[in-house]
PDB file of N, CA and C in Angstrom:
ATOM      1  N   MET A   1       0.825  -1.187   0.000  1.00  0.00           N
ATOM      2  CA  MET A   1       0.000   0.000   0.000  1.00  0.00           C
ATOM      3  C   MET A   1       0.874   1.258   0.000  1.00  0.00           C
ATOM      4  N   LEU A   2       2.089   1.166   0.513  1.00  0.00           N
ATOM      5  CA  LEU A   2       2.989   2.318   0.544  1.00  0.00           C
ATOM      6  C   LEU A   2       3.199   2.877  -0.860  1.00  0.00           C
ATOM      7  N   GLU A   3       3.456   1.999  -1.812  1.00  0.00           N
ATOM      8  CA  GLU A   3       3.712   2.460  -3.180  1.00  0.00           C
ATOM      9  C   GLU A   3       2.474   3.108  -3.791  1.00  0.00           C
ATOM     10  N   GLU A   4       1.297   2.556  -3.510  1.00  0.00           N
ATOM     11  CA  GLU A   4       0.062   3.132  -4.036  1.00  0.00           C
ATOM     12  C   GLU A   4      -0.173   4.527  -3.488  1.00  0.00           C
ATOM     13  N   VAL A   5      -0.040   4.678  -2.180  1.00  0.00           N
ATOM     14  CA  VAL A   5      -0.262   5.988  -1.551  1.00  0.00           C
ATOM     15  C   VAL A   5       0.810   6.971  -2.000  1.00  0.00           C
ATOM     16  N   ARG A   6       2.045   6.507  -2.135  1.00  0.00           N
ATOM     17  CA  ARG A   6       3.120   7.382  -2.618  1.00  0.00           C
ATOM     18  C   ARG A   6       2.773   7.928  -4.004  1.00  0.00           C
ATOM     19  N   GLU A   7       2.247   7.076  -4.861  1.00  0.00           N
ATOM     20  CA  GLU A   7       1.865   7.497  -6.216  1.00  0.00           C
ATOM     21  C   GLU A   7       0.713   8.503  -6.176  1.00  0.00           C
ATOM     22  N   ILE A   8      -0.247   8.277  -5.305  1.00  0.00           N
ATOM     23  CA  ILE A   8      -1.367   9.213  -5.165  1.00  0.00           C
ATOM     24  C   ILE A   8      -0.872  10.560  -4.663  1.00  0.00           C
ATOM     25  N   VAL A   9       0.020  10.551  -3.675  1.00  0.00           N
ATOM     26  CA  VAL A   9       0.605  11.793  -3.168  1.00  0.00           C
ATOM     27  C   VAL A   9       1.355  12.509  -4.290  1.00  0.00           C
ATOM     28  N   ALA A  10       2.143  11.771  -5.040  1.00  0.00           N
ATOM     29  CA  ALA A  10       2.923  12.365  -6.131  1.00  0.00           C
ATOM     30  C   ALA A  10       2.019  13.006  -7.169  1.00  0.00           C
ATOM     31  N   GLN A  11       0.943  12.330  -7.512  1.00  0.00           N
ATOM     32  CA  GLN A  11       0.025  12.873  -8.512  1.00  0.00           C
ATOM     33  C   GLN A  11      -0.754  14.059  -7.970  1.00  0.00           C
ATOM     34  N   ALA A  12      -1.295  13.928  -6.761  1.00  0.00           N
ATOM     35  CA  ALA A  12      -2.122  14.994  -6.191  1.00  0.00           C
ATOM     36  C   ALA A  12      -1.323  16.279  -5.973  1.00  0.00           C
ATOM     37  N   LEU A  13      -0.047  16.125  -5.607  1.00  0.00           N
ATOM     38  CA  LEU A  13       0.792  17.298  -5.331  1.00  0.00           C
ATOM     39  C   LEU A  13       1.664  17.672  -6.527  1.00  0.00           C
ATOM     40  N   GLN A  14       1.522  16.921  -7.618  1.00  0.00           N
ATOM     41  CA  GLN A  14       2.299  17.155  -8.834  1.00  0.00           C
ATOM     42  C   GLN A  14       3.809  17.187  -8.542  1.00  0.00           C
ATOM     43  N   LEU A  15       4.263  16.137  -7.857  1.00  0.00           N
ATOM     44  CA  LEU A  15       5.666  16.048  -7.456  1.00  0.00           C
ATOM     45  C   LEU A  15       6.543  15.385  -8.512  1.00  0.00           C
ATOM     46  N   GLY A  16       5.930  14.699  -9.451  1.00  0.00           N
ATOM     47  CA  GLY A  16       6.709  14.014 -10.474  1.00  0.00           C
ATOM     48  C   GLY A  16       7.644  12.984  -9.868  1.00  0.00           C
ATOM     49  N   GLU A  17       8.858  12.938 -10.387  1.00  0.00           N
ATOM     50  CA  GLU A  17       9.847  11.954  -9.938  1.00  0.00           C
ATOM     51  C   GLU A  17      10.401  12.233  -8.543  1.00  0.00           C
ATOM     52  N   ARG A  18      10.149  13.418  -8.000  1.00  0.00           N
ATOM     53  CA  ARG A  18      10.633  13.732  -6.650  1.00  0.00           C
ATOM     54  C   ARG A  18      10.136  12.731  -5.620  1.00  0.00           C
ATOM     55  N   ALA A  19       8.967  12.170  -5.840  1.00  0.00           N
ATOM     56  CA  ALA A  19       8.378  11.251  -4.873  1.00  0.00           C
ATOM     57  C   ALA A  19       8.903   9.823  -5.002  1.00  0.00           C
ATOM     58  N   ALA A  20       9.674   9.534  -6.023  1.00  0.00           N
ATOM     59  CA  ALA A  20      10.134   8.164  -6.276  1.00  0.00           C
ATOM     60  C   ALA A  20      10.939   7.587  -5.111  1.00  0.00           C
ATOM     61  N   ASP A  21      11.658   8.433  -4.389  1.00  0.00           N
ATOM     62  CA  ASP A  21      12.490   7.966  -3.282  1.00  0.00           C
ATOM     63  C   ASP A  21      11.815   8.088  -1.918  1.00  0.00           C
ATOM     64  N   PHE A  22      10.549   8.473  -1.894  1.00  0.00           N
ATOM     65  CA  PHE A  22       9.852   8.614  -0.622  1.00  0.00           C
ATOM     66  C   PHE A  22       9.743   7.256   0.064  1.00  0.00           C
ATOM     67  N   THR A  23      10.032   7.243   1.362  1.00  0.00           N
ATOM     68  CA  THR A  23       9.873   6.051   2.187  1.00  0.00           C
ATOM     69  C   THR A  23       8.817   6.349   3.244  1.00  0.00           C
ATOM     70  N   ALA A  24       8.527   5.375   4.072  1.00  0.00           N
ATOM     71  CA  ALA A  24       7.554   5.566   5.147  1.00  0.00           C
ATOM     72  C   ALA A  24       7.987   6.686   6.097  1.00  0.00           C
ATOM     73  N   GLU A  25       9.286   6.908   6.205  1.00  0.00           N
ATOM     74  CA  GLU A  25       9.811   7.922   7.123  1.00  0.00           C
ATOM     75  C   GLU A  25       9.886   9.323   6.509  1.00  0.00           C
ATOM     76  N   THR A  26       9.569   9.464   5.230  1.00  0.00           N
ATOM     77  CA  THR A  26       9.661  10.760   4.570  1.00  0.00           C
ATOM     78  C   THR A  26       8.648  11.723   5.172  1.00  0.00           C
ATOM     79  N   PRO A  27       9.123  12.854   5.706  1.00  0.00           N
ATOM     80  CA  PRO A  27       8.188  13.840   6.267  1.00  0.00           C
ATOM     81  C   PRO A  27       7.376  14.501   5.161  1.00  0.00           C
ATOM     82  N   LEU A  28       6.112  14.763   5.453  1.00  0.00           N
ATOM     83  CA  LEU A  28       5.234  15.405   4.477  1.00  0.00           C
ATOM     84  C   LEU A  28       4.875  16.820   4.932  1.00  0.00           C
ATOM     85  N   LEU A  29       3.955  16.920   5.869  1.00  0.00           N
ATOM     86  CA  LEU A  29       3.458  18.224   6.307  1.00  0.00           C
ATOM     87  C   LEU A  29       4.584  19.036   6.926  1.00  0.00           C
ATOM     88  N   GLY A  30       4.791  20.223   6.402  1.00  0.00           N
ATOM     89  CA  GLY A  30       5.858  21.089   6.885  1.00  0.00           C
ATOM     90  C   GLY A  30       7.157  20.908   6.128  1.00  0.00           C
ATOM     91  N   SER A  31       7.259  19.832   5.358  1.00  0.00           N
ATOM     92  CA  SER A  31       8.478  19.565   4.595  1.00  0.00           C
ATOM     93  C   SER A  31       8.280  19.714   3.093  1.00  0.00           C
ATOM     94  N   LEU A  32       7.052  19.610   2.660  1.00  0.00           N
ATOM     95  CA  LEU A  32       6.743  19.767   1.240  1.00  0.00           C
ATOM     96  C   LEU A  32       5.948  21.052   1.056  1.00  0.00           C
ATOM     97  N   PRO A  33       6.528  22.035   0.400  1.00  0.00           N
ATOM     98  CA  PRO A  33       5.786  23.290   0.208  1.00  0.00           C
ATOM     99  C   PRO A  33       4.488  23.079  -0.575  1.00  0.00           C
ATOM    100  N   GLU A  34       4.430  22.030  -1.377  1.00  0.00           N
ATOM    101  CA  GLU A  34       3.215  21.744  -2.147  1.00  0.00           C
ATOM    102  C   GLU A  34       2.055  21.292  -1.268  1.00  0.00           C
ATOM    103  N   LEU A  35       2.362  20.804  -0.067  1.00  0.00           N
ATOM    104  CA  LEU A  35       1.318  20.275   0.813  1.00  0.00           C
ATOM    105  C   LEU A  35       0.786  21.387   1.713  1.00  0.00           C
ATOM    106  N   ASP A  36      -0.041  22.238   1.124  1.00  0.00           N
ATOM    107  CA  ASP A  36      -0.698  23.298   1.882  1.00  0.00           C
ATOM    108  C   ASP A  36      -2.126  22.845   2.203  1.00  0.00           C
ATOM    109  N   SER A  37      -2.922  23.721   2.789  1.00  0.00           N
ATOM    110  CA  SER A  37      -4.267  23.330   3.216  1.00  0.00           C
ATOM    111  C   SER A  37      -5.142  22.912   2.036  1.00  0.00           C
ATOM    112  N   PHE A  38      -5.007  23.593   0.902  1.00  0.00           N
ATOM    113  CA  PHE A  38      -5.782  23.208  -0.274  1.00  0.00           C
ATOM    114  C   PHE A  38      -5.352  21.825  -0.771  1.00  0.00           C
ATOM    115  N   ALA A  39      -4.063  21.573  -0.763  1.00  0.00           N
ATOM    116  CA  ALA A  39      -3.545  20.280  -1.213  1.00  0.00           C
ATOM    117  C   ALA A  39      -3.982  19.149  -0.292  1.00  0.00           C
ATOM    118  N   VAL A  40      -4.099  19.423   0.995  1.00  0.00           N
ATOM    119  CA  VAL A  40      -4.578  18.400   1.934  1.00  0.00           C
ATOM    120  C   VAL A  40      -5.994  17.985   1.540  1.00  0.00           C
ATOM    121  N   VAL A  41      -6.838  18.960   1.238  1.00  0.00           N
ATOM    122  CA  VAL A  41      -8.215  18.656   0.828  1.00  0.00           C
ATOM    123  C   VAL A  41      -8.217  17.836  -0.464  1.00  0.00           C
ATOM    124  N   THR A  42      -7.401  18.240  -1.421  1.00  0.00           N
ATOM    125  CA  THR A  42      -7.298  17.513  -2.686  1.00  0.00           C
ATOM    126  C   THR A  42      -6.823  16.088  -2.453  1.00  0.00           C
ATOM    127  N   LEU A  43      -5.823  15.933  -1.616  1.00  0.00           N
ATOM    128  CA  LEU A  43      -5.277  14.611  -1.327  1.00  0.00           C
ATOM    129  C   LEU A  43      -6.303  13.728  -0.620  1.00  0.00           C
ATOM    130  N   VAL A  44      -7.002  14.279   0.354  1.00  0.00           N
ATOM    131  CA  VAL A  44      -8.024  13.501   1.065  1.00  0.00           C
ATOM    132  C   VAL A  44      -9.123  13.068   0.101  1.00  0.00           C
ATOM    133  N   THR A  45      -9.565  13.979  -0.745  1.00  0.00           N
ATOM    134  CA  THR A  45     -10.606  13.656  -1.725  1.00  0.00           C
ATOM    135  C   THR A  45     -10.142  12.563  -2.682  1.00  0.00           C
ATOM    136  N   THR A  46      -8.905  12.656  -3.125  1.00  0.00           N
ATOM    137  CA  THR A  46      -8.352  11.640  -4.023  1.00  0.00           C
ATOM    138  C   THR A  46      -8.287  10.284  -3.336  1.00  0.00           C
ATOM    139  N   LEU A  47      -7.845  10.262  -2.088  1.00  0.00           N
ATOM    140  CA  LEU A  47      -7.791   9.002  -1.333  1.00  0.00           C
ATOM    141  C   LEU A  47      -9.190   8.425  -1.128  1.00  0.00           C
ATOM    142  N   GLU A  48     -10.160   9.286  -0.824  1.00  0.00           N
ATOM    143  CA  GLU A  48     -11.537   8.829  -0.656  1.00  0.00           C
ATOM    144  C   GLU A  48     -12.045   8.175  -1.946  1.00  0.00           C
ATOM    145  N   ASP A  49     -11.782   8.817  -3.068  1.00  0.00           N
ATOM    146  CA  ASP A  49     -12.237   8.280  -4.352  1.00  0.00           C
ATOM    147  C   ASP A  49     -11.536   6.970  -4.687  1.00  0.00           C
ATOM    148  N   GLU A  50     -10.237   6.922  -4.474  1.00  0.00           N
ATOM    149  CA  GLU A  50      -9.453   5.742  -4.834  1.00  0.00           C
ATOM    150  C   GLU A  50      -9.807   4.526  -3.976  1.00  0.00           C
ATOM    151  N   TYR A  51      -9.970   4.750  -2.669  1.00  0.00           N
ATOM    152  CA  TYR A  51     -10.176   3.627  -1.751  1.00  0.00           C
ATOM    153  C   TYR A  51     -11.615   3.495  -1.267  1.00  0.00           C
ATOM    154  N   GLU A  52     -12.498   4.367  -1.762  1.00  0.00           N
ATOM    155  CA  GLU A  52     -13.925   4.297  -1.471  1.00  0.00           C
ATOM    156  C   GLU A  52     -14.236   4.321   0.018  1.00  0.00           C
ATOM    157  N   PHE A  53     -13.685   5.289   0.722  1.00  0.00           N
ATOM    158  CA  PHE A  53     -14.059   5.532   2.110  1.00  0.00           C
ATOM    159  C   PHE A  53     -14.344   7.015   2.272  1.00  0.00           C
ATOM    160  N   ILE A  54     -14.896   7.367   3.417  1.00  0.00           N
ATOM    161  CA  ILE A  54     -15.219   8.756   3.729  1.00  0.00           C
ATOM    162  C   ILE A  54     -14.370   9.183   4.919  1.00  0.00           C
ATOM    163  N   VAL A  55     -13.788  10.375   4.819  1.00  0.00           N
ATOM    164  CA  VAL A  55     -12.993  10.933   5.909  1.00  0.00           C
ATOM    165  C   VAL A  55     -13.789  12.080   6.520  1.00  0.00           C
ATOM    166  N   ASP A  56     -14.093  11.959   7.796  1.00  0.00           N
ATOM    167  CA  ASP A  56     -14.775  13.040   8.506  1.00  0.00           C
ATOM    168  C   ASP A  56     -13.771  14.139   8.840  1.00  0.00           C
ATOM    169  N   ASP A  57     -14.265  15.366   8.921  1.00  0.00           N
ATOM    170  CA  ASP A  57     -13.388  16.503   9.207  1.00  0.00           C
ATOM    171  C   ASP A  57     -12.570  16.311  10.475  1.00  0.00           C
ATOM    172  N   ASP A  58     -13.175  15.703  11.496  1.00  0.00           N
ATOM    173  CA  ASP A  58     -12.463  15.542  12.764  1.00  0.00           C
ATOM    174  C   ASP A  58     -11.399  14.450  12.719  1.00  0.00           C
ATOM    175  N   GLU A  59     -11.320  13.710  11.627  1.00  0.00           N
ATOM    176  CA  GLU A  59     -10.286  12.679  11.470  1.00  0.00           C
ATOM    177  C   GLU A  59      -8.990  13.241  10.892  1.00  0.00           C
ATOM    178  N   ILE A  60      -9.062  14.431  10.336  1.00  0.00           N
ATOM    179  CA  ILE A  60      -7.902  15.024   9.680  1.00  0.00           C
ATOM    180  C   ILE A  60      -7.103  15.820  10.701  1.00  0.00           C
ATOM    181  N   SER A  61      -5.836  15.448  10.843  1.00  0.00           N
ATOM    182  CA  SER A  61      -4.954  16.169  11.765  1.00  0.00           C
ATOM    183  C   SER A  61      -3.550  16.220  11.178  1.00  0.00           C
ATOM    184  N   ALA A  62      -2.736  17.052  11.757  1.00  0.00           N
ATOM    185  CA  ALA A  62      -1.347  17.154  11.315  1.00  0.00           C
ATOM    186  C   ALA A  62      -0.630  15.821  11.484  1.00  0.00           C
ATOM    187  N   ASP A  63      -0.995  15.061  12.507  1.00  0.00           N
ATOM    188  CA  ASP A  63      -0.361  13.759  12.743  1.00  0.00           C
ATOM    189  C   ASP A  63      -0.584  12.803  11.578  1.00  0.00           C
ATOM    190  N   THR A  64      -1.741  12.887  10.946  1.00  0.00           N
ATOM    191  CA  THR A  64      -2.049  12.019   9.813  1.00  0.00           C
ATOM    192  C   THR A  64      -1.079  12.248   8.666  1.00  0.00           C
ATOM    193  N   PHE A  65      -0.684  13.509   8.480  1.00  0.00           N
ATOM    194  CA  PHE A  65       0.167  13.888   7.361  1.00  0.00           C
ATOM    195  C   PHE A  65       1.617  14.139   7.778  1.00  0.00           C
ATOM    196  N   ALA A  66       2.007  13.630   8.941  1.00  0.00           N
ATOM    197  CA  ALA A  66       3.373  13.844   9.432  1.00  0.00           C
ATOM    198  C   ALA A  66       4.405  13.207   8.504  1.00  0.00           C
ATOM    199  N   THR A  67       4.176  11.957   8.138  1.00  0.00           N
ATOM    200  CA  THR A  67       5.092  11.244   7.237  1.00  0.00           C
ATOM    201  C   THR A  67       4.252  10.443   6.239  1.00  0.00           C
ATOM    202  N   LEU A  68       4.909   9.937   5.240  1.00  0.00           N
ATOM    203  CA  LEU A  68       4.204   9.064   4.307  1.00  0.00           C
ATOM    204  C   LEU A  68       3.690   7.830   5.043  1.00  0.00           C
ATOM    205  N   GLY A  69       4.459   7.345   5.990  1.00  0.00           N
ATOM    206  CA  GLY A  69       4.050   6.173   6.767  1.00  0.00           C
ATOM    207  C   GLY A  69       2.804   6.412   7.601  1.00  0.00           C
ATOM    208  N   THR A  70       2.692   7.591   8.210  1.00  0.00           N
ATOM    209  CA  THR A  70       1.485   7.868   9.004  1.00  0.00           C
ATOM    210  C   THR A  70       0.272   8.017   8.104  1.00  0.00           C
ATOM    211  N   LEU A  71       0.477   8.541   6.909  1.00  0.00           N
ATOM    212  CA  LEU A  71      -0.628   8.651   5.958  1.00  0.00           C
ATOM    213  C   LEU A  71      -1.055   7.260   5.486  1.00  0.00           C
ATOM    214  N   VAL A  72      -0.101   6.390   5.207  1.00  0.00           N
ATOM    215  CA  VAL A  72      -0.406   5.018   4.796  1.00  0.00           C
ATOM    216  C   VAL A  72      -1.150   4.306   5.929  1.00  0.00           C
ATOM    217  N   ALA A  73      -0.717   4.475   7.161  1.00  0.00           N
ATOM    218  CA  ALA A  73      -1.388   3.834   8.309  1.00  0.00           C
ATOM    219  C   ALA A  73      -2.830   4.331   8.420  1.00  0.00           C
ATOM    220  N   PHE A  74      -3.043   5.616   8.175  1.00  0.00           N
ATOM    221  CA  PHE A  74      -4.392   6.173   8.212  1.00  0.00           C
ATOM    222  C   PHE A  74      -5.260   5.527   7.133  1.00  0.00           C
ATOM    223  N   VAL A  75      -4.734   5.438   5.916  1.00  0.00           N
ATOM    224  CA  VAL A  75      -5.477   4.841   4.800  1.00  0.00           C
ATOM    225  C   VAL A  75      -5.775   3.378   5.106  1.00  0.00           C
ATOM    226  N   GLU A  76      -4.797   2.646   5.606  1.00  0.00           N
ATOM    227  CA  GLU A  76      -5.021   1.240   5.952  1.00  0.00           C
ATOM    228  C   GLU A  76      -6.102   1.107   7.013  1.00  0.00           C
ATOM    229  N   GLY A  77      -6.069   1.988   7.997  1.00  0.00           N
ATOM    230  CA  GLY A  77      -7.098   1.963   9.048  1.00  0.00           C
ATOM    231  C   GLY A  77      -8.486   2.217   8.486  1.00  0.00           C
ATOM    232  N   LYS A  78      -8.589   3.170   7.557  1.00  0.00           N
ATOM    233  CA  LYS A  78      -9.886   3.459   6.949  1.00  0.00           C
ATOM    234  C   LYS A  78     -10.356   2.289   6.083  1.00  0.00           C
ATOM    235  N   CYS A  79      -9.441   1.669   5.376  1.00  0.00           N
ATOM    236  CA  CYS A  79      -9.805   0.540   4.511  1.00  0.00           C
ATOM    237  C   CYS A  79     -10.239  -0.670   5.324  1.00  0.00           C
ATOM    238  N   ASN A  80      -9.667  -0.837   6.511  1.00  0.00           N
ATOM    239  CA  ASN A  80      -9.977  -2.000   7.351  1.00  0.00           C
ATOM    240  C   ASN A  80     -11.147  -1.765   8.290  1.00  0.00           C
ATOM    241  N   ALA A  81     -11.662  -0.540   8.304  1.00  0.00           N
ATOM    242  CA  ALA A  81     -12.773  -0.218   9.225  1.00  0.00           C
ATOM    243  C   ALA A  81     -14.090  -0.796   8.735  1.00  0.00           C
TER     244      ALA A  81
END
């Protein structure tokens, strides 16, 4: 799932090949200038569409977007719910 989410992040933020080396430990929020509040909404919407789940507003926090790994864990949790 890491590779799938990495690809979605790369596409949603238009990172191109920059995301190819992203690992679970790669910091996202605060480290990628492309990941602003509008991009978070775009990314959440894309994840909802791709994995067919709904994210409530109160589920979105800075911790979710701390690293690629925390985002993957969030997606896995939503998929397994």
